[in-house]
Protein backbone atom coordinates (compact mmCIF):
# COMPACT_ATOMS: atom_id res chain seq x y z
CA UNK A 1 58.37 86.19 92.69
CA UNK A 2 60.36 83.89 94.94
CA UNK A 3 63.82 85.03 95.98
CA UNK A 4 66.44 84.43 98.59
CA UNK A 5 65.14 85.00 102.08
CA UNK A 6 68.18 87.12 102.99
CA UNK A 7 67.57 89.47 100.04
CA UNK A 8 63.91 89.93 100.96
CA UNK A 9 64.77 90.56 104.61
CA UNK A 10 67.23 93.31 103.70
CA UNK A 11 64.69 94.94 101.39
CA UNK A 12 61.92 94.89 104.00
CA UNK A 13 64.17 96.39 106.68
CA UNK A 14 65.13 99.10 104.20
CA UNK A 15 61.47 99.63 103.38
CA UNK A 16 60.63 100.27 107.05
CA UNK A 17 63.39 102.90 107.29
CA UNK A 18 62.33 104.49 103.97
CA UNK A 19 58.65 104.73 104.92
CA UNK A 20 59.50 106.06 108.37
CA UNK A 21 61.26 109.02 106.71
CA UNK A 22 58.79 109.68 103.89
CA UNK A 23 55.32 109.14 105.34
CA UNK A 24 52.66 107.95 102.90
CA UNK A 25 54.15 106.79 99.60
CA UNK A 26 52.24 105.36 96.60
CA UNK A 27 52.90 101.68 96.07
CA UNK A 28 54.33 102.35 92.60
CA UNK A 29 56.95 104.73 94.03
CA UNK A 30 57.98 102.22 96.68
CA UNK A 31 58.28 99.56 93.97
CA UNK A 32 60.49 101.85 91.86
CA UNK A 33 62.64 102.75 94.86
CA UNK A 34 63.39 99.11 95.69
CA UNK A 35 63.41 97.67 92.16
CA UNK A 36 60.51 95.25 92.59
CA UNK A 37 56.92 95.00 91.37
CA UNK A 38 53.95 96.69 93.03
CA UNK A 39 52.58 93.24 93.92
CA UNK A 40 55.84 92.41 95.68
CA UNK A 41 55.62 95.63 97.71
CA UNK A 42 52.12 94.70 98.85
CA UNK A 43 53.31 91.21 99.76
CA UNK A 44 56.18 92.72 101.78
CA UNK A 45 53.78 95.05 103.59
CA UNK A 46 51.49 92.10 104.41
CA UNK A 47 54.48 90.29 105.91
CA UNK A 48 55.69 93.32 107.85
CA UNK A 49 52.18 93.82 109.21
CA UNK A 50 52.49 90.58 111.19
CA UNK A 51 56.12 91.20 112.18
CA UNK A 52 57.36 92.87 115.32
CA UNK A 53 59.20 92.57 118.59
CA UNK A 54 59.07 89.62 121.02
CA UNK A 55 55.66 89.16 122.53
CA UNK A 56 53.99 89.50 119.14
CA UNK A 57 50.77 90.87 120.55
CA UNK A 58 49.03 93.57 118.46
CA UNK A 59 50.88 96.38 120.26
CA UNK A 60 54.23 94.68 119.48
CA UNK A 61 53.73 94.56 115.70
CA UNK A 62 54.79 96.93 112.93
CA UNK A 63 51.67 98.80 111.83
CA UNK A 64 50.39 100.58 108.71
CA UNK A 65 47.42 102.82 108.02
CA UNK A 66 44.68 100.54 106.67
CA UNK A 67 42.75 103.29 104.84
CA UNK A 68 45.86 104.38 102.95
CA UNK A 69 46.66 100.76 102.15
CA UNK A 70 43.24 100.32 100.51
CA UNK A 71 43.96 103.40 98.36
CA UNK A 72 47.32 102.07 97.13
CA UNK A 73 49.42 104.22 99.48
CA UNK A 74 51.82 102.75 102.05
CA UNK A 75 51.87 104.76 105.29
CA UNK A 76 53.87 103.41 108.21
CA UNK A 77 52.31 104.30 111.55
CA UNK A 78 54.47 102.27 113.96
CA UNK A 79 58.02 101.03 113.28
CA UNK A 80 58.39 99.35 116.71
CA UNK A 81 61.94 100.63 117.11
CA UNK A 82 63.21 99.19 113.83
CA UNK A 83 64.64 102.59 112.82
CA UNK A 84 66.47 103.40 116.04
CA UNK A 85 70.25 103.96 115.70
CA UNK A 86 72.21 100.76 116.23
CA UNK A 87 73.91 100.46 119.62
CA UNK A 88 76.99 98.30 119.40
CA UNK A 89 77.96 95.92 122.13
CA UNK A 90 81.62 95.38 123.04
CA UNK A 91 81.90 92.31 120.84
CA UNK A 92 80.49 94.10 117.75
CA UNK A 93 82.68 97.15 118.35
CA UNK A 94 85.83 95.02 118.67
CA UNK A 95 84.94 93.22 115.44
CA UNK A 96 84.65 96.57 113.64
CA UNK A 97 87.95 97.78 115.12
CA UNK A 98 89.62 94.58 113.89
CA UNK A 99 88.19 95.02 110.39
CA UNK A 100 89.19 98.68 110.16
CA UNK A 101 92.72 98.01 111.44
CA UNK A 102 93.14 95.20 108.92
CA UNK A 103 91.93 97.48 106.13
CA UNK A 104 94.18 100.34 107.23
CA UNK A 105 97.24 98.14 107.63
CA UNK A 106 96.95 96.26 104.35
CA UNK A 107 95.14 98.49 101.85
CA UNK A 108 96.21 101.91 103.09
CA UNK A 109 98.40 102.54 100.03
CA UNK A 110 95.50 101.85 97.65
CA UNK A 111 93.33 104.59 99.19
CA UNK A 112 93.43 108.24 98.20
CA UNK A 113 94.20 110.83 100.95
CA UNK A 114 90.52 111.61 101.57
CA UNK A 115 89.65 107.92 101.98
CA UNK A 116 92.66 107.43 104.26
CA UNK A 117 91.52 110.31 106.43
CA UNK A 118 87.96 108.94 106.71
CA UNK A 119 89.24 105.49 107.58
CA UNK A 120 91.66 106.81 110.19
CA UNK A 121 89.02 109.08 111.74
CA UNK A 122 86.48 106.25 112.01
CA UNK A 123 89.10 103.91 113.47
CA UNK A 124 90.27 106.46 116.06
CA UNK A 125 86.72 107.27 117.19
CA UNK A 126 85.66 103.64 117.41
CA UNK A 127 88.86 102.67 119.25
CA UNK A 128 88.32 105.43 121.80
CA UNK A 129 84.69 104.41 122.30
CA UNK A 130 85.59 100.73 122.71
CA UNK A 131 88.19 101.41 125.40
CA UNK A 132 90.50 98.74 126.78
CA UNK A 133 88.91 95.97 124.74
CA UNK A 134 90.31 97.49 121.54
CA UNK A 135 93.90 97.42 122.80
CA UNK A 136 94.02 93.62 122.56
CA UNK A 137 93.09 93.59 118.87
CA UNK A 138 95.91 92.93 116.41
CA UNK A 139 94.66 91.81 113.01
CA UNK A 140 96.27 91.77 109.59
CA UNK A 141 94.25 91.17 106.45
CA UNK A 142 95.97 88.69 104.15
CA UNK A 143 95.35 89.58 100.52
CA UNK A 144 95.54 86.48 98.33
CA UNK A 145 98.23 86.15 95.70
CA UNK A 146 101.91 86.86 95.37
CA UNK A 147 103.21 89.93 97.25
CA UNK A 148 104.43 91.56 94.04
CA UNK A 149 100.97 91.12 92.49
CA UNK A 150 99.24 92.67 95.50
CA UNK A 151 101.74 95.55 95.46
CA UNK A 152 101.16 96.23 91.76
CA UNK A 153 97.39 96.22 92.21
CA UNK A 154 97.63 98.60 95.17
CA UNK A 155 99.88 100.95 93.18
CA UNK A 156 97.59 100.93 90.16
CA UNK A 157 94.53 101.66 92.31
CA UNK A 158 96.27 104.45 94.20
CA UNK A 159 97.79 106.14 91.13
CA UNK A 160 94.83 105.42 88.78
CA UNK A 161 97.06 103.54 86.34
CA UNK A 162 96.32 100.76 83.86
CA UNK A 163 97.46 97.20 84.63
CA UNK A 164 98.73 94.40 82.43
CA UNK A 165 97.68 91.04 83.83
CA UNK A 166 98.64 87.47 83.11
CA UNK A 167 95.68 85.56 84.51
CA UNK A 168 94.63 81.92 84.75
CA UNK A 169 90.92 81.11 85.06
CA UNK A 170 89.13 78.20 86.76
CA UNK A 171 89.56 76.09 83.61
CA UNK A 172 93.37 76.51 83.86
CA UNK A 173 93.48 78.70 80.74
CA UNK A 174 96.02 81.54 80.93
CA UNK A 175 95.46 84.84 79.13
CA UNK A 176 97.13 88.24 79.01
CA UNK A 177 95.11 91.44 79.06
CA UNK A 178 95.20 95.12 79.97
CA UNK A 179 92.67 96.33 82.53
CA UNK A 180 91.61 99.57 84.18
CA UNK A 181 91.34 98.70 87.90
CA UNK A 182 88.20 99.87 89.71
CA UNK A 183 88.50 98.53 93.26
CA UNK A 184 89.66 95.61 95.38
CA UNK A 185 86.86 93.62 96.98
CA UNK A 186 86.72 90.64 99.30
CA UNK A 187 84.20 87.90 99.97
CA UNK A 188 84.67 85.11 102.49
CA UNK A 189 88.36 84.16 102.22
CA UNK A 190 88.94 85.47 98.67
CA UNK A 191 90.17 88.78 97.30
CA UNK A 192 89.07 90.04 93.87
CA UNK A 193 90.11 92.87 91.58
CA UNK A 194 87.12 94.48 89.91
CA UNK A 195 88.36 96.02 86.67
CA UNK A 196 87.35 97.07 83.17
CA UNK A 197 88.95 94.53 80.83
CA UNK A 198 90.06 96.02 77.49
CA UNK A 199 90.24 92.54 75.95
CA UNK A 200 86.46 92.05 76.15
CA UNK A 201 85.48 95.72 76.63
CA UNK A 202 83.45 94.90 79.74
CA UNK A 203 83.77 94.69 83.51
CA UNK A 204 85.41 91.59 84.92
CA UNK A 205 86.26 90.22 88.35
CA UNK A 206 89.73 88.70 88.75
CA UNK A 207 90.60 86.47 91.70
CA UNK A 208 93.86 87.89 93.00
CA UNK A 209 95.35 84.48 93.74
CA UNK A 210 94.89 83.57 90.06
CA UNK A 211 96.84 86.58 88.80
CA UNK A 212 100.21 85.15 87.70
CA UNK A 213 101.73 88.54 86.95
CA UNK A 214 100.63 92.17 87.32
CA UNK A 215 102.54 95.07 85.77
CA UNK A 216 101.67 98.74 86.22
CA UNK A 217 101.60 100.53 82.87
CA UNK A 218 102.33 104.16 82.05
CA UNK A 219 98.83 104.76 80.65
CA UNK A 220 96.28 106.26 83.05
CA UNK A 221 93.27 104.11 83.91
CA UNK A 222 90.13 105.48 82.27
CA UNK A 223 86.87 105.95 84.14
CA UNK A 224 84.16 103.39 83.32
CA UNK A 225 80.52 103.06 84.32
CA UNK A 226 80.80 100.03 86.60
CA UNK A 227 77.75 99.73 88.88
CA UNK A 228 78.06 98.80 92.54
CA UNK A 229 76.92 95.23 93.08
CA UNK A 230 75.91 93.49 96.29
CA UNK A 231 77.21 90.20 94.97
CA UNK A 232 80.97 90.05 94.48
CA UNK A 233 80.83 87.28 91.91
CA UNK A 234 78.86 87.88 88.72
CA UNK A 235 79.33 85.03 86.22
CA UNK A 236 79.49 85.61 82.48
CA UNK A 237 78.09 82.64 80.62
CA UNK A 238 75.09 80.89 79.12
CA UNK A 239 71.59 81.45 80.50
CA UNK A 240 70.03 78.12 81.52
CA UNK A 241 66.52 77.59 82.88
CA UNK A 242 65.64 74.71 85.22
CA UNK A 243 61.98 73.81 85.74
CA UNK A 244 61.78 72.10 89.13
CA UNK A 245 59.32 70.50 91.51
CA UNK A 246 58.51 72.46 94.66
CA UNK A 247 60.64 70.29 96.96
CA UNK A 248 63.77 71.43 95.08
CA UNK A 249 63.25 74.97 96.38
CA UNK A 250 66.69 74.77 97.98
CA UNK A 251 68.20 75.42 94.55
CA UNK A 252 66.81 78.97 94.56
CA UNK A 253 68.12 79.54 98.09
CA UNK A 254 71.65 78.19 97.65
CA UNK A 255 72.57 78.89 94.00
CA UNK A 256 73.49 82.20 92.30
CA UNK A 257 70.19 82.48 90.40
CA UNK A 258 69.31 85.32 88.02
CA UNK A 259 65.52 84.96 88.44
CA UNK A 260 62.92 82.70 90.05
CA UNK A 261 59.34 82.21 88.78
CA UNK A 262 56.59 80.40 90.67
CA UNK A 263 54.15 78.51 88.45
CA UNK A 264 50.43 77.85 89.10
CA UNK A 265 50.90 74.10 89.52
CA UNK A 266 53.30 74.55 92.45
CA UNK A 267 56.48 74.01 90.44
CA UNK A 268 58.93 76.82 89.75
CA UNK A 269 61.66 77.89 87.31
CA UNK A 270 65.11 79.30 88.00
CA UNK A 271 67.38 81.09 85.54
CA UNK A 272 71.10 80.46 86.00
CA UNK A 273 73.99 82.21 84.28
CA UNK A 274 76.41 79.32 83.81
CA UNK A 275 80.12 79.82 83.26
CA UNK A 276 81.34 76.31 84.15
CA UNK A 277 79.39 73.45 82.49
CA UNK A 278 80.79 70.95 85.00
CA UNK A 279 79.09 72.85 87.85
CA UNK A 280 75.77 72.79 86.01
CA UNK A 281 76.04 69.04 85.28
CA UNK A 282 76.64 68.39 88.96
CA UNK A 283 73.63 70.49 89.96
CA UNK A 284 71.29 68.89 87.41
CA UNK A 285 72.30 65.40 88.53
CA UNK A 286 71.60 66.40 92.16
CA UNK A 287 68.03 67.47 91.35
CA UNK A 288 67.33 64.82 88.70
CA UNK A 289 64.36 63.37 90.59
CA UNK A 290 62.73 66.82 90.84
CA UNK A 291 63.62 68.07 87.37
CA UNK A 292 60.70 68.77 85.01
CA UNK A 293 62.54 70.44 82.14
CA UNK A 294 65.87 72.03 81.18
CA UNK A 295 66.20 74.84 78.65
CA UNK A 296 67.98 74.79 76.30
CA UNK A 297 67.26 71.11 75.69
CA UNK A 298 70.86 70.54 74.62
CA UNK A 299 71.89 70.86 78.27
CA UNK A 300 69.68 67.92 79.28
CA UNK A 301 71.23 65.79 76.54
CA UNK A 302 74.74 66.69 77.69
CA UNK A 303 73.98 65.84 81.32
CA UNK A 304 72.35 62.56 80.32
CA UNK A 305 75.43 61.67 78.24
CA UNK A 306 77.71 62.44 81.19
CA UNK A 307 75.59 60.23 83.47
CA UNK A 308 75.68 57.34 80.98
CA UNK A 309 79.46 57.69 80.65
CA UNK A 310 79.84 57.57 84.43
CA UNK A 311 77.70 54.41 84.66
CA UNK A 312 79.66 52.82 81.85
CA UNK A 313 82.90 53.49 83.68
CA UNK A 314 81.59 51.46 86.66
CA UNK A 315 80.46 48.45 84.56
CA UNK A 316 83.86 46.66 84.63
CA UNK A 317 83.74 46.66 88.44
CA UNK A 318 80.65 44.46 88.36
CA UNK A 319 82.28 41.75 86.23
């Protein structure tokens, strides 16, 4: 199954560390550990087998036991240093000091005492190890949104209290809802509140700069089973499948796809969870020359209608 190169790289690096600790592991167990198929594990091993350190001669490559491999067991025999503890350079250490100081200065109130102690201990140790270079670092993390909103969110997270939000989404529709806050997360230049929304009885991600009002309620926030996700943004919408020619592979690399399937004729399919129809129309028009099929078919009709309307709008300019 095709996937983003960055996701596969992270999994393979994790696989090297896992196998280095566990010795020979049946392929099925490795697949279960990393949430992929047995065939994908074997494909990853084949790739790792020709991967290594600069020089790339046989003695520079990651190595596995061939006899175990033939019996369906993955046994790492040479990791080529991939599992050694990371040694930070001055630049990396200063970057970590900056991040920890920003976190401590801005989100300190939202952390419980144990988390505050861990953060402070890590910051003190890293600052001492970095030396004079750390003294020049002065960073403040700017949380999006109004100060009173950020303060209410921090209070609710710290005291485990329920929040009442007035929120406007990307379609400029405002709603009011009560939520049980889970944690504050950031990605790129945006801050998000991950919370359990009582209005829809499900987890939701709220962009802090779109929260018009936040009020801490007297009710305690209940605990909910909200899984940790690597991706900050998880859309809630309609599942759409695009069947594309091979040269449109960039769609799978640059879009938030749910799944990718390679087909025998060289084409492939991607599943997208679409929240904003306008975004999907733009994407489909971009790949129109490489588009084989859209499911559901209604989507293709809607995009075609939008394209015809756009062309019609330009007709008066040609008169």
